[in-house]
C-alpha cells in the first residue's frame, strides 16, 4: 500500500453536529454514510455541494478502517483547505475544553 492509499481518521466528535469521524483518502474528505453487513460506506463530503458521487468502502473497524473499494472519481479538486480547517477547529475546541478545567 502506497502512502497515497493510507486512510486518515479525523475524530470530529467534539464538533457538532458530527457524530462520526471523518475520513481522508488521497487528499479528499469523506463522511460516514452507513454501516452495511460487511463494510462501512463513506461518501465524499461534497456530495451535496458538487454532486460528487465518490464513495469509499472500508472494513467495519471504525478506529482503524482499511480500504476495501473506491468507486467513482471526484468531480472537484482535493479538499486540502477543508481538511486543514477541520483539524484547526478540532484543535481549537480541544484547547478551549482543556482550559475550561482550570
C-alpha atoms as a PDB file:
ATOM      1  CA  UNK A   1       0.000   0.000   0.000  1.00  0.00           C
ATOM      2  CA  UNK A   2       1.469   3.332  -1.013  1.00  0.00           C
ATOM      3  CA  UNK A   3       1.442   6.445   1.158  1.00  0.00           C
ATOM      4  CA  UNK A   4      -1.368   7.833  -1.012  1.00  0.00           C
ATOM      5  CA  UNK A   5      -3.568   4.846  -0.157  1.00  0.00           C
ATOM      6  CA  UNK A   6      -3.430   5.461   3.602  1.00  0.00           C
ATOM      7  CA  UNK A   7      -6.733   6.287   5.271  1.00  0.00           C
ATOM      8  CA  UNK A   8      -6.576   9.066   7.848  1.00  0.00           C
ATOM      9  CA  UNK A   9      -9.261   9.269  10.503  1.00  0.00           C
ATOM     10  CA  UNK A  10     -10.239  12.683  11.869  1.00  0.00           C
ATOM     11  CA  UNK A  11     -12.185  12.381  15.103  1.00  0.00           C
ATOM     12  CA  UNK A  12     -14.703  15.180  14.703  1.00  0.00           C
ATOM     13  CA  UNK A  13     -16.861  14.097  17.645  1.00  0.00           C
ATOM     14  CA  UNK A  14     -16.127  17.310  19.557  1.00  0.00           C
ATOM     15  CA  UNK A  15     -17.704  19.368  16.794  1.00  0.00           C
ATOM     16  CA  UNK A  16     -21.432  19.363  16.419  1.00  0.00           C
ATOM     17  CA  UNK A  17     -23.282  18.031  14.508  1.00  0.00           C
ATOM     18  CA  UNK A  18     -20.572  15.441  13.709  1.00  0.00           C
ATOM     19  CA  UNK A  19     -21.373  12.149  15.403  1.00  0.00           C
ATOM     20  CA  UNK A  20     -18.905  10.046  13.417  1.00  0.00           C
ATOM     21  CA  UNK A  21     -15.287  10.564  12.427  1.00  0.00           C
ATOM     22  CA  UNK A  22     -14.279  11.970   9.058  1.00  0.00           C
ATOM     23  CA  UNK A  23     -12.033  10.047   6.727  1.00  0.00           C
ATOM     24  CA  UNK A  24      -9.298  11.408   4.445  1.00  0.00           C
ATOM     25  CA  UNK A  25      -8.208   9.421   1.413  1.00  0.00           C
ATOM     26  CA  UNK A  26      -5.830  10.743  -1.263  1.00  0.00           C
ATOM     27  CA  UNK A  27      -6.457  14.325  -0.161  1.00  0.00           C
ATOM     28  CA  UNK A  28     -10.249  14.077  -0.247  1.00  0.00           C
ATOM     29  CA  UNK A  29     -12.590  14.285   2.735  1.00  0.00           C
ATOM     30  CA  UNK A  30     -15.332  11.712   3.289  1.00  0.00           C
ATOM     31  CA  UNK A  31     -18.155  11.473   5.811  1.00  0.00           C
ATOM     32  CA  UNK A  32     -19.773   8.382   7.282  1.00  0.00           C
ATOM     33  CA  UNK A  33     -22.799   7.289   5.293  1.00  0.00           C
ATOM     34  CA  UNK A  34     -23.884   3.923   6.669  1.00  0.00           C
ATOM     35  CA  UNK A  35     -22.775   0.649   8.165  1.00  0.00           C
ATOM     36  CA  UNK A  36     -23.525  -2.314   5.939  1.00  0.00           C
ATOM     37  CA  UNK A  37     -23.267  -6.004   6.724  1.00  0.00           C
ATOM     38  CA  UNK A  38     -19.640  -6.358   5.582  1.00  0.00           C
ATOM     39  CA  UNK A  39     -18.347  -2.798   5.280  1.00  0.00           C
ATOM     40  CA  UNK A  40     -18.786   0.871   6.156  1.00  0.00           C
ATOM     41  CA  UNK A  41     -19.772   3.191   3.345  1.00  0.00           C
ATOM     42  CA  UNK A  42     -18.297   6.707   3.263  1.00  0.00           C
ATOM     43  CA  UNK A  43     -19.477   9.452   0.880  1.00  0.00           C
ATOM     44  CA  UNK A  44     -17.480  12.355  -0.444  1.00  0.00           C
ATOM     45  CA  UNK A  45     -18.035  15.397   1.753  1.00  0.00           C
ATOM     46  CA  UNK A  46     -19.009  17.371  -1.345  1.00  0.00           C
ATOM     47  CA  UNK A  47     -21.841  15.070  -2.359  1.00  0.00           C
ATOM     48  CA  UNK A  48     -24.353  17.905  -1.902  1.00  0.00           C
ATOM     49  CA  UNK A  49     -22.347  20.966  -2.964  1.00  0.00           C
ATOM     50  CA  UNK A  50     -20.632  19.497  -6.020  1.00  0.00           C
ATOM     51  CA  UNK A  51     -22.843  16.465  -6.702  1.00  0.00           C
ATOM     52  CA  UNK A  52     -19.716  14.325  -6.258  1.00  0.00           C
ATOM     53  CA  UNK A  53     -20.581  10.628  -6.224  1.00  0.00           C
ATOM     54  CA  UNK A  54     -17.217   9.323  -4.951  1.00  0.00           C
ATOM     55  CA  UNK A  55     -17.684   6.576  -2.353  1.00  0.00           C
ATOM     56  CA  UNK A  56     -15.338   4.512  -0.189  1.00  0.00           C
ATOM     57  CA  UNK A  57     -15.985   1.153   1.358  1.00  0.00           C
ATOM     58  CA  UNK A  58     -13.886   0.209   4.367  1.00  0.00           C
ATOM     59  CA  UNK A  59     -13.700  -2.594   6.877  1.00  0.00           C
ATOM     60  CA  UNK A  60     -16.079  -2.403   9.827  1.00  0.00           C
ATOM     61  CA  UNK A  61     -13.403  -1.214  12.269  1.00  0.00           C
ATOM     62  CA  UNK A  62     -14.265   2.471  12.730  1.00  0.00           C
ATOM     63  CA  UNK A  63     -10.996   3.227  14.581  1.00  0.00           C
ATOM     64  CA  UNK A  64      -8.635   1.588  12.062  1.00  0.00           C
ATOM     65  CA  UNK A  65     -10.540   1.120   8.815  1.00  0.00           C
ATOM     66  CA  UNK A  66      -8.874  -0.483   5.821  1.00  0.00           C
ATOM     67  CA  UNK A  67      -9.871   0.330   2.272  1.00  0.00           C
ATOM     68  CA  UNK A  68     -11.945  -2.298   0.506  1.00  0.00           C
ATOM     69  CA  UNK A  69     -13.110  -0.402  -2.566  1.00  0.00           C
ATOM     70  CA  UNK A  70     -13.185   3.096  -4.060  1.00  0.00           C
ATOM     71  CA  UNK A  71     -15.992   3.922  -6.509  1.00  0.00           C
ATOM     72  CA  UNK A  72     -16.413   6.921  -8.834  1.00  0.00           C
ATOM     73  CA  UNK A  73     -13.896   9.657  -9.465  1.00  0.00           C
ATOM     74  CA  UNK A  74     -14.192  13.011  -7.715  1.00  0.00           C
ATOM     75  CA  UNK A  75     -15.695  15.917  -9.655  1.00  0.00           C
ATOM     76  CA  UNK A  76     -13.644  18.569  -7.842  1.00  0.00           C
ATOM     77  CA  UNK A  77     -10.179  19.471  -6.600  1.00  0.00           C
ATOM     78  CA  UNK A  78      -8.688  17.935  -3.449  1.00  0.00           C
ATOM     79  CA  UNK A  79     -10.087  19.060  -0.084  1.00  0.00           C
ATOM     80  CA  UNK A  80      -6.779  20.230   1.390  1.00  0.00           C
ATOM     81  CA  UNK A  81      -8.187  23.524   2.683  1.00  0.00           C
ATOM     82  CA  UNK A  82     -11.307  21.897   4.177  1.00  0.00           C
ATOM     83  CA  UNK A  83      -9.229  19.195   5.860  1.00  0.00           C
ATOM     84  CA  UNK A  84      -6.848  21.742   7.383  1.00  0.00           C
ATOM     85  CA  UNK A  85      -9.752  23.918   8.537  1.00  0.00           C
ATOM     86  CA  UNK A  86     -11.495  20.927  10.161  1.00  0.00           C
ATOM     87  CA  UNK A  87      -8.302  19.936  12.010  1.00  0.00           C
ATOM     88  CA  UNK A  88      -7.847  23.520  13.227  1.00  0.00           C
ATOM     89  CA  UNK A  89     -11.438  23.660  14.521  1.00  0.00           C
ATOM     90  CA  UNK A  90     -10.904  20.427  16.435  1.00  0.00           C
ATOM     91  CA  UNK A  91      -7.601  21.659  17.852  1.00  0.00           C
ATOM     92  CA  UNK A  92      -9.238  24.940  18.955  1.00  0.00           C
ATOM     93  CA  UNK A  93     -12.051  23.008  20.631  1.00  0.00           C
ATOM     94  CA  UNK A  94      -9.576  20.791  22.498  1.00  0.00           C
ATOM     95  CA  UNK A  95      -7.701  23.879  23.721  1.00  0.00           C
ATOM     96  CA  UNK A  96     -10.936  25.542  24.853  1.00  0.00           C
ATOM     97  CA  UNK A  97     -12.127  22.436  26.659  1.00  0.00           C
ATOM     98  CA  UNK A  98      -8.794  21.823  28.372  1.00  0.00           C
ATOM     99  CA  UNK A  99      -8.525  25.455  29.520  1.00  0.00           C
ATOM    100  CA  UNK A 100     -12.055  25.349  30.971  1.00  0.00           C
ATOM    101  CA  UNK A 101     -10.903  22.743  33.516  1.00  0.00           C
ATOM    102  CA  UNK A 102      -8.532  25.213  35.190  1.00  0.00           C
END
